[in-house]
C-alpha cells in the first residue's frame, strides 16, 4: 500500500494482522478526518487491551 495505491496479494496468512491498512483505506477513499481519527483511536485501544492479555491467537 502506498499513499495513492492499494495492491492485494490475495494470500491468507496465519495470525492476526499487524498493519492498519484498512484505516489507511479510509483516507484514500476520502472519508472525513474525524472518522479516521476515531478509527485510529479504536485500533489503539484494542491493541492496548490485547497486550494486557498476552498473545491472542485466532
Protein backbone atom coordinates (compact mmCIF):
# COMPACT_ATOMS: atom_id res chain seq x y z
CA UNK A 1 0.00 0.00 0.00
CA UNK A 2 1.30 3.43 -0.94
CA UNK A 3 -0.19 6.87 -0.38
CA UNK A 4 -2.22 6.54 -3.57
CA UNK A 5 -2.43 2.84 -4.42
CA UNK A 6 -3.58 -0.42 -2.88
CA UNK A 7 -2.22 -3.78 -4.01
CA UNK A 8 -3.51 -7.11 -2.71
CA UNK A 9 -1.56 -10.36 -2.82
CA UNK A 10 -4.73 -12.43 -2.25
CA UNK A 11 -2.99 -14.79 0.15
CA UNK A 12 -4.28 -15.83 3.55
CA UNK A 13 -1.65 -15.66 6.26
CA UNK A 14 -1.71 -17.24 9.69
CA UNK A 15 -2.09 -15.00 12.72
CA UNK A 16 -3.56 -11.59 13.30
CA UNK A 17 -2.96 -8.60 11.08
CA UNK A 18 -0.14 -6.35 12.24
CA UNK A 19 -0.96 -3.38 10.00
CA UNK A 20 -3.74 -0.84 9.88
CA UNK A 21 -4.20 -0.76 6.13
CA UNK A 22 -7.99 -0.63 6.47
CA UNK A 23 -7.66 2.70 8.26
CA UNK A 24 -5.34 3.96 5.53
CA UNK A 25 -8.00 2.93 3.01
CA UNK A 26 -10.46 5.27 4.74
CA UNK A 27 -8.15 8.16 3.87
CA UNK A 28 -7.70 7.02 0.27
CA UNK A 29 -11.47 6.71 -0.12
CA UNK A 30 -11.99 10.29 1.07
CA UNK A 31 -13.53 9.72 4.50
CA UNK A 32 -13.57 12.68 6.86
CA UNK A 33 -10.55 13.18 9.14
CA UNK A 34 -12.72 12.79 12.23
CA UNK A 35 -13.79 9.29 11.19
CA UNK A 36 -10.17 8.33 10.51
CA UNK A 37 -9.05 9.66 13.91
CA UNK A 38 -11.82 7.69 15.63
CA UNK A 39 -10.79 4.50 13.80
CA UNK A 40 -7.16 5.05 14.79
CA UNK A 41 -8.14 5.59 18.43
CA UNK A 42 -10.32 2.47 18.45
CA UNK A 43 -7.49 0.39 16.95
CA UNK A 44 -5.06 1.75 19.54
CA UNK A 45 -7.46 0.96 22.40
CA UNK A 46 -7.93 -2.59 21.10
CA UNK A 47 -4.17 -3.09 20.75
CA UNK A 48 -3.59 -1.91 24.32
CA UNK A 49 -6.25 -4.30 25.65
CA UNK A 50 -4.77 -7.22 23.73
CA UNK A 51 -1.28 -6.54 25.11
CA UNK A 52 -2.75 -6.96 28.59
CA UNK A 53 -4.00 -10.43 27.67
CA UNK A 54 -0.70 -11.61 26.24
CA UNK A 55 -0.58 -13.50 22.98
CA UNK A 56 -4.02 -13.82 21.41
CA UNK A 57 -4.46 -16.33 18.63
CA UNK A 58 -7.16 -16.85 16.13
